[in-house]
Amino acid sequence: GIEKVIQQSFDLSPTVGFYYHKDYQTGL
C-alpha cells in the first residue's frame, strides 16, 4: 500500500576538467 515514486529527467551538463599523468601527459 505504500506509494513508490521515481523522478526521471534528461539533463545536459557542460563540463571542463584535467588530469595529470606524471612524465607522460597532462590532458585538458
PDB file of all heavy atoms in Angstrom:
ATOM      1  N   GLY A   1       0.786  -1.228   0.000  1.00  0.00           N
ATOM      2  CA  GLY A   1       0.000   0.000   0.000  1.00  0.00           C
ATOM      3  C   GLY A   1       0.818   1.278   0.000  1.00  0.00           C
ATOM      4  O   GLY A   1       0.263   2.367  -0.040  1.00  0.00           O
ATOM      5  N   ILE A   2       2.131   1.167   0.034  1.00  0.00           N
ATOM      6  CA  ILE A   2       2.991   2.350   0.021  1.00  0.00           C
ATOM      7  C   ILE A   2       3.237   2.783  -1.420  1.00  0.00           C
ATOM      8  O   ILE A   2       3.498   1.965  -2.289  1.00  0.00           O
ATOM      9  CB  ILE A   2       4.328   2.057   0.740  1.00  0.00           C
ATOM     10  CG1 ILE A   2       4.072   1.731   2.211  1.00  0.00           C
ATOM     11  CG2 ILE A   2       5.285   3.223   0.601  1.00  0.00           C
ATOM     12  CD1 ILE A   2       5.315   1.295   2.957  1.00  0.00           C
ATOM     13  N   GLU A   3       3.149   4.089  -1.640  1.00  0.00           N
ATOM     14  CA  GLU A   3       3.376   4.625  -2.983  1.00  0.00           C
ATOM     15  C   GLU A   3       4.871   4.721  -3.255  1.00  0.00           C
ATOM     16  O   GLU A   3       5.639   5.230  -2.442  1.00  0.00           O
ATOM     17  CB  GLU A   3       2.732   6.003  -3.121  1.00  0.00           C
ATOM     18  CG  GLU A   3       2.877   6.580  -4.509  1.00  0.00           C
ATOM     19  CD  GLU A   3       2.242   7.955  -4.636  1.00  0.00           C
ATOM     20  OE1 GLU A   3       2.105   8.644  -3.616  1.00  0.00           O
ATOM     21  OE2 GLU A   3       1.890   8.323  -5.758  1.00  0.00           O
ATOM     22  N   LYS A   4       5.284   4.228  -4.402  1.00  0.00           N
ATOM     23  CA  LYS A   4       6.676   4.287  -4.835  1.00  0.00           C
ATOM     24  C   LYS A   4       6.778   5.350  -5.926  1.00  0.00           C
ATOM     25  O   LYS A   4       6.111   5.261  -6.949  1.00  0.00           O
ATOM     26  CB  LYS A   4       7.097   2.920  -5.371  1.00  0.00           C
ATOM     27  CG  LYS A   4       8.504   2.850  -5.883  1.00  0.00           C
ATOM     28  CD  LYS A   4       8.803   1.455  -6.409  1.00  0.00           C
ATOM     29  CE  LYS A   4      10.181   1.381  -7.007  1.00  0.00           C
ATOM     30  NZ  LYS A   4      10.472   0.063  -7.568  1.00  0.00           N
ATOM     31  N   VAL A   5       7.604   6.368  -5.690  1.00  0.00           N
ATOM     32  CA  VAL A   5       7.744   7.481  -6.631  1.00  0.00           C
ATOM     33  C   VAL A   5       9.162   7.477  -7.191  1.00  0.00           C
ATOM     34  O   VAL A   5      10.141   7.393  -6.453  1.00  0.00           O
ATOM     35  CB  VAL A   5       7.475   8.836  -5.936  1.00  0.00           C
ATOM     36  CG1 VAL A   5       7.688   9.980  -6.910  1.00  0.00           C
ATOM     37  CG2 VAL A   5       6.093   8.878  -5.342  1.00  0.00           C
ATOM     38  N   ILE A   6       9.257   7.574  -8.516  1.00  0.00           N
ATOM     39  CA  ILE A   6      10.552   7.665  -9.195  1.00  0.00           C
ATOM     40  C   ILE A   6      10.544   8.933 -10.039  1.00  0.00           C
ATOM     41  O   ILE A   6       9.660   9.126 -10.877  1.00  0.00           O
ATOM     42  CB  ILE A   6      10.815   6.435 -10.084  1.00  0.00           C
ATOM     43  CG1 ILE A   6      10.877   5.171  -9.231  1.00  0.00           C
ATOM     44  CG2 ILE A   6      12.099   6.612 -10.874  1.00  0.00           C
ATOM     45  CD1 ILE A   6      11.013   3.890 -10.015  1.00  0.00           C
ATOM     46  N   GLN A   7      11.525   9.808  -9.789  1.00  0.00           N
ATOM     47  CA  GLN A   7      11.683  11.008 -10.601  1.00  0.00           C
ATOM     48  C   GLN A   7      12.691  10.702 -11.703  1.00  0.00           C
ATOM     49  O   GLN A   7      13.727  10.083 -11.454  1.00  0.00           O
ATOM     50  CB  GLN A   7      12.186  12.165  -9.752  1.00  0.00           C
ATOM     51  CG  GLN A   7      11.225  12.615  -8.697  1.00  0.00           C
ATOM     52  CD  GLN A   7      11.816  13.717  -7.832  1.00  0.00           C
ATOM     53  OE1 GLN A   7      12.961  14.132  -7.998  1.00  0.00           O
ATOM     54  NE2 GLN A   7      11.025  14.199  -6.897  1.00  0.00           N
ATOM     55  N   GLN A   8      12.380  11.150 -12.912  1.00  0.00           N
ATOM     56  CA  GLN A   8      13.248  10.898 -14.058  1.00  0.00           C
ATOM     57  C   GLN A   8      13.506  12.213 -14.789  1.00  0.00           C
ATOM     58  O   GLN A   8      12.658  13.110 -14.770  1.00  0.00           O
ATOM     59  CB  GLN A   8      12.596   9.893 -15.001  1.00  0.00           C
ATOM     60  CG  GLN A   8      12.301   8.557 -14.329  1.00  0.00           C
ATOM     61  CD  GLN A   8      11.493   7.643 -15.212  1.00  0.00           C
ATOM     62  OE1 GLN A   8      12.020   7.120 -16.181  1.00  0.00           O
ATOM     63  NE2 GLN A   8      10.233   7.454 -14.899  1.00  0.00           N
ATOM     64  N   SER A   9      14.670  12.298 -15.426  1.00  0.00           N
ATOM     65  CA  SER A   9      14.978  13.519 -16.171  1.00  0.00           C
ATOM     66  C   SER A   9      16.021  13.255 -17.240  1.00  0.00           C
ATOM     67  O   SER A   9      16.785  12.294 -17.156  1.00  0.00           O
ATOM     68  CB  SER A   9      15.470  14.621 -15.221  1.00  0.00           C
ATOM     69  OG  SER A   9      16.691  14.263 -14.635  1.00  0.00           O
ATOM     70  N   PHE A  10      16.016  14.130 -18.242  1.00  0.00           N
ATOM     71  CA  PHE A  10      17.086  14.221 -19.227  1.00  0.00           C
ATOM     72  C   PHE A  10      17.840  15.515 -18.921  1.00  0.00           C
ATOM     73  O   PHE A  10      17.223  16.577 -18.773  1.00  0.00           O
ATOM     74  CB  PHE A  10      16.556  14.257 -20.657  1.00  0.00           C
ATOM     75  CG  PHE A  10      16.084  12.930 -21.157  1.00  0.00           C
ATOM     76  CD1 PHE A  10      14.744  12.721 -21.419  1.00  0.00           C
ATOM     77  CD2 PHE A  10      16.975  11.891 -21.358  1.00  0.00           C
ATOM     78  CE1 PHE A  10      14.301  11.495 -21.874  1.00  0.00           C
ATOM     79  CE2 PHE A  10      16.544  10.661 -21.815  1.00  0.00           C
ATOM     80  CZ  PHE A  10      15.204  10.462 -22.073  1.00  0.00           C
ATOM     81  N   ASP A  11      19.167  15.427 -18.802  1.00  0.00           N
ATOM     82  CA  ASP A  11      19.967  16.575 -18.402  1.00  0.00           C
ATOM     83  C   ASP A  11      21.122  16.804 -19.381  1.00  0.00           C
ATOM     84  O   ASP A  11      21.659  15.858 -19.950  1.00  0.00           O
ATOM     85  CB  ASP A  11      20.560  16.360 -17.010  1.00  0.00           C
ATOM     86  CG  ASP A  11      19.494  16.138 -15.955  1.00  0.00           C
ATOM     87  OD1 ASP A  11      18.525  16.907 -15.926  1.00  0.00           O
ATOM     88  OD2 ASP A  11      19.636  15.184 -15.161  1.00  0.00           O
ATOM     89  N   LEU A  12      21.511  18.067 -19.515  1.00  0.00           N
ATOM     90  CA  LEU A  12      22.676  18.454 -20.302  1.00  0.00           C
ATOM     91  C   LEU A  12      23.677  19.085 -19.347  1.00  0.00           C
ATOM     92  O   LEU A  12      23.338  20.032 -18.623  1.00  0.00           O
ATOM     93  CB  LEU A  12      22.287  19.452 -21.396  1.00  0.00           C
ATOM     94  CG  LEU A  12      23.429  19.996 -22.249  1.00  0.00           C
ATOM     95  CD1 LEU A  12      24.083  18.876 -23.052  1.00  0.00           C
ATOM     96  CD2 LEU A  12      22.922  21.097 -23.163  1.00  0.00           C
ATOM     97  N   SER A  13      24.901  18.565 -19.326  1.00  0.00           N
ATOM     98  CA  SER A  13      25.922  19.037 -18.383  1.00  0.00           C
ATOM     99  C   SER A  13      27.215  19.402 -19.100  1.00  0.00           C
ATOM    100  O   SER A  13      28.037  18.525 -19.372  1.00  0.00           O
ATOM    101  CB  SER A  13      26.215  17.949 -17.342  1.00  0.00           C
ATOM    102  OG  SER A  13      25.062  17.580 -16.669  1.00  0.00           O
ATOM    103  N   PRO A  14      27.422  20.678 -19.410  1.00  0.00           N
ATOM    104  CA  PRO A  14      28.729  21.091 -19.924  1.00  0.00           C
ATOM    105  C   PRO A  14      29.767  20.954 -18.804  1.00  0.00           C
ATOM    106  O   PRO A  14      29.525  21.390 -17.674  1.00  0.00           O
ATOM    107  CB  PRO A  14      28.526  22.558 -20.304  1.00  0.00           C
ATOM    108  CG  PRO A  14      27.049  22.755 -20.358  1.00  0.00           C
ATOM    109  CD  PRO A  14      26.455  21.764 -19.427  1.00  0.00           C
ATOM    110  N   THR A  15      30.910  20.348 -19.106  1.00  0.00           N
ATOM    111  CA  THR A  15      31.945  20.124 -18.095  1.00  0.00           C
ATOM    112  C   THR A  15      33.315  20.534 -18.637  1.00  0.00           C
ATOM    113  O   THR A  15      33.542  20.534 -19.850  1.00  0.00           O
ATOM    114  CB  THR A  15      32.021  18.643 -17.668  1.00  0.00           C
ATOM    115  OG1 THR A  15      32.406  17.845 -18.792  1.00  0.00           O
ATOM    116  CG2 THR A  15      30.690  18.151 -17.130  1.00  0.00           C
ATOM    117  N   VAL A  16      34.206  20.862 -17.723  1.00  0.00           N
ATOM    118  CA  VAL A  16      35.611  21.094 -18.041  1.00  0.00           C
ATOM    119  C   VAL A  16      36.438  20.349 -16.999  1.00  0.00           C
ATOM    120  O   VAL A  16      35.999  20.167 -15.864  1.00  0.00           O
ATOM    121  CB  VAL A  16      35.991  22.592 -18.054  1.00  0.00           C
ATOM    122  CG1 VAL A  16      35.300  23.325 -19.173  1.00  0.00           C
ATOM    123  CG2 VAL A  16      35.705  23.247 -16.710  1.00  0.00           C
ATOM    124  N   GLY A  17      37.615  19.905 -17.410  1.00  0.00           N
ATOM    125  CA  GLY A  17      38.437  19.177 -16.458  1.00  0.00           C
ATOM    126  C   GLY A  17      39.848  18.968 -16.956  1.00  0.00           C
ATOM    127  O   GLY A  17      40.214  19.381 -18.060  1.00  0.00           O
ATOM    128  N   PHE A  18      40.629  18.324 -16.110  1.00  0.00           N
ATOM    129  CA  PHE A  18      42.005  17.980 -16.467  1.00  0.00           C
ATOM    130  C   PHE A  18      42.418  16.750 -15.683  1.00  0.00           C
ATOM    131  O   PHE A  18      41.803  16.376 -14.690  1.00  0.00           O
ATOM    132  CB  PHE A  18      42.953  19.142 -16.174  1.00  0.00           C
ATOM    133  CG  PHE A  18      43.321  19.263 -14.719  1.00  0.00           C
ATOM    134  CD1 PHE A  18      44.471  18.658 -14.221  1.00  0.00           C
ATOM    135  CD2 PHE A  18      42.513  19.963 -13.843  1.00  0.00           C
ATOM    136  CE1 PHE A  18      44.801  18.761 -12.883  1.00  0.00           C
ATOM    137  CE2 PHE A  18      42.836  20.068 -12.498  1.00  0.00           C
ATOM    138  CZ  PHE A  18      43.987  19.461 -12.016  1.00  0.00           C
ATOM    139  N   TYR A  19      43.488  16.109 -16.145  1.00  0.00           N
ATOM    140  CA  TYR A  19      44.153  15.052 -15.385  1.00  0.00           C
ATOM    141  C   TYR A  19      45.652  15.173 -15.627  1.00  0.00           C
ATOM    142  O   TYR A  19      46.103  15.748 -16.611  1.00  0.00           O
ATOM    143  CB  TYR A  19      43.647  13.659 -15.766  1.00  0.00           C
ATOM    144  CG  TYR A  19      43.956  13.252 -17.177  1.00  0.00           C
ATOM    145  CD1 TYR A  19      45.158  12.644 -17.498  1.00  0.00           C
ATOM    146  CD2 TYR A  19      43.055  13.510 -18.206  1.00  0.00           C
ATOM    147  CE1 TYR A  19      45.463  12.297 -18.812  1.00  0.00           C
ATOM    148  CE2 TYR A  19      43.348  13.161 -19.513  1.00  0.00           C
ATOM    149  CZ  TYR A  19      44.546  12.555 -19.808  1.00  0.00           C
ATOM    150  OH  TYR A  19      44.852  12.222 -21.092  1.00  0.00           O
ATOM    151  N   TYR A  20      46.426  14.614 -14.702  1.00  0.00           N
ATOM    152  CA  TYR A  20      47.883  14.691 -14.773  1.00  0.00           C
ATOM    153  C   TYR A  20      48.458  13.283 -14.681  1.00  0.00           C
ATOM    154  O   TYR A  20      48.247  12.588 -13.696  1.00  0.00           O
ATOM    155  CB  TYR A  20      48.415  15.550 -13.626  1.00  0.00           C
ATOM    156  CG  TYR A  20      49.920  15.549 -13.501  1.00  0.00           C
ATOM    157  CD1 TYR A  20      50.710  16.152 -14.468  1.00  0.00           C
ATOM    158  CD2 TYR A  20      50.538  14.929 -12.421  1.00  0.00           C
ATOM    159  CE1 TYR A  20      52.092  16.153 -14.360  1.00  0.00           C
ATOM    160  CE2 TYR A  20      51.925  14.924 -12.302  1.00  0.00           C
ATOM    161  CZ  TYR A  20      52.686  15.531 -13.277  1.00  0.00           C
ATOM    162  OH  TYR A  20      54.048  15.531 -13.176  1.00  0.00           O
ATOM    163  N   HIS A  21      49.158  12.880 -15.722  1.00  0.00           N
ATOM    164  CA  HIS A  21      49.825  11.577 -15.767  1.00  0.00           C
ATOM    165  C   HIS A  21      51.320  11.880 -15.780  1.00  0.00           C
ATOM    166  O   HIS A  21      51.863  12.293 -16.801  1.00  0.00           O
ATOM    167  CB  HIS A  21      49.390  10.825 -17.026  1.00  0.00           C
ATOM    168  CG  HIS A  21      49.892   9.426 -17.093  1.00  0.00           C
ATOM    169  ND1 HIS A  21      49.301   8.480 -17.890  1.00  0.00           N
ATOM    170  CD2 HIS A  21      50.910   8.789 -16.470  1.00  0.00           C
ATOM    171  CE1 HIS A  21      49.952   7.331 -17.775  1.00  0.00           C
ATOM    172  NE2 HIS A  21      50.928   7.501 -16.911  1.00  0.00           N
ATOM    173  N   LYS A  22      51.973  11.692 -14.630  1.00  0.00           N
ATOM    174  CA  LYS A  22      53.367  12.097 -14.444  1.00  0.00           C
ATOM    175  C   LYS A  22      54.281  11.522 -15.527  1.00  0.00           C
ATOM    176  O   LYS A  22      54.219  10.348 -15.854  1.00  0.00           O
ATOM    177  CB  LYS A  22      53.852  11.643 -13.066  1.00  0.00           C
ATOM    178  CG  LYS A  22      55.232  12.123 -12.730  1.00  0.00           C
ATOM    179  CD  LYS A  22      55.660  11.668 -11.353  1.00  0.00           C
ATOM    180  CE  LYS A  22      57.076  12.136 -11.102  1.00  0.00           C
ATOM    181  NZ  LYS A  22      57.582  11.687  -9.835  1.00  0.00           N
ATOM    182  N   ASP A  23      55.124  12.379 -16.065  1.00  0.00           N
ATOM    183  CA  ASP A  23      56.124  12.030 -17.078  1.00  0.00           C
ATOM    184  C   ASP A  23      55.525  11.486 -18.373  1.00  0.00           C
ATOM    185  O   ASP A  23      56.246  10.935 -19.200  1.00  0.00           O
ATOM    186  CB  ASP A  23      57.153  11.036 -16.532  1.00  0.00           C
ATOM    187  CG  ASP A  23      57.968  11.622 -15.400  1.00  0.00           C
ATOM    188  OD1 ASP A  23      58.239  12.836 -15.449  1.00  0.00           O
ATOM    189  OD2 ASP A  23      58.325  10.872 -14.472  1.00  0.00           O
ATOM    190  N   TYR A  24      54.213  11.601 -18.556  1.00  0.00           N
ATOM    191  CA  TYR A  24      53.591  11.127 -19.793  1.00  0.00           C
ATOM    192  C   TYR A  24      52.815  12.250 -20.463  1.00  0.00           C
ATOM    193  O   TYR A  24      53.141  12.653 -21.568  1.00  0.00           O
ATOM    194  CB  TYR A  24      52.711   9.914 -19.509  1.00  0.00           C
ATOM    195  CG  TYR A  24      52.007   9.382 -20.736  1.00  0.00           C
ATOM    196  CD1 TYR A  24      52.731   8.912 -21.822  1.00  0.00           C
ATOM    197  CD2 TYR A  24      50.628   9.360 -20.808  1.00  0.00           C
ATOM    198  CE1 TYR A  24      52.097   8.434 -22.956  1.00  0.00           C
ATOM    199  CE2 TYR A  24      49.982   8.881 -21.932  1.00  0.00           C
ATOM    200  CZ  TYR A  24      50.715   8.424 -23.000  1.00  0.00           C
ATOM    201  OH  TYR A  24      50.078   7.963 -24.116  1.00  0.00           O
ATOM    202  N   GLN A  25      51.773  12.745 -19.790  1.00  0.00           N
ATOM    203  CA  GLN A  25      50.997  13.824 -20.377  1.00  0.00           C
ATOM    204  C   GLN A  25      50.057  14.447 -19.359  1.00  0.00           C
ATOM    205  O   GLN A  25      49.755  13.848 -18.333  1.00  0.00           O
ATOM    206  CB  GLN A  25      50.176  13.346 -21.582  1.00  0.00           C
ATOM    207  CG  GLN A  25      49.039  12.421 -21.220  1.00  0.00           C
ATOM    208  CD  GLN A  25      48.266  11.954 -22.448  1.00  0.00           C
ATOM    209  OE1 GLN A  25      48.624  12.231 -23.575  1.00  0.00           O
ATOM    210  NE2 GLN A  25      47.184  11.234 -22.219  1.00  0.00           N
ATOM    211  N   THR A  26      49.620  15.656 -19.672  1.00  0.00           N
ATOM    212  CA  THR A  26      48.548  16.325 -18.949  1.00  0.00           C
ATOM    213  C   THR A  26      47.439  16.551 -19.959  1.00  0.00           C
ATOM    214  O   THR A  26      47.698  17.001 -21.077  1.00  0.00           O
ATOM    215  CB  THR A  26      49.024  17.671 -18.374  1.00  0.00           C
ATOM    216  OG1 THR A  26      50.080  17.412 -17.445  1.00  0.00           O
ATOM    217  CG2 THR A  26      47.896  18.394 -17.665  1.00  0.00           C
ATOM    218  N   GLY A  27      46.218  16.224 -19.592  1.00  0.00           N
ATOM    219  CA  GLY A  27      45.090  16.385 -20.501  1.00  0.00           C
ATOM    220  C   GLY A  27      44.114  17.420 -19.975  1.00  0.00           C
ATOM    221  O   GLY A  27      43.742  17.385 -18.794  1.00  0.00           O
ATOM    222  N   LEU A  28      43.711  18.358 -20.825  1.00  0.00           N
ATOM    223  CA  LEU A  28      42.668  19.335 -20.528  1.00  0.00           C
ATOM    224  C   LEU A  28      41.509  19.062 -21.468  1.00  0.00           C
ATOM    225  O   LEU A  28      41.718  18.823 -22.660  1.00  0.00           O
ATOM    226  CB  LEU A  28      43.174  20.763 -20.757  1.00  0.00           C
ATOM    227  CG  LEU A  28      44.368  21.224 -19.938  1.00  0.00           C
ATOM    228  CD1 LEU A  28      44.838  22.597 -20.412  1.00  0.00           C
ATOM    229  CD2 LEU A  28      44.006  21.272 -18.474  1.00  0.00           C
TER     230      LEU A  28
END
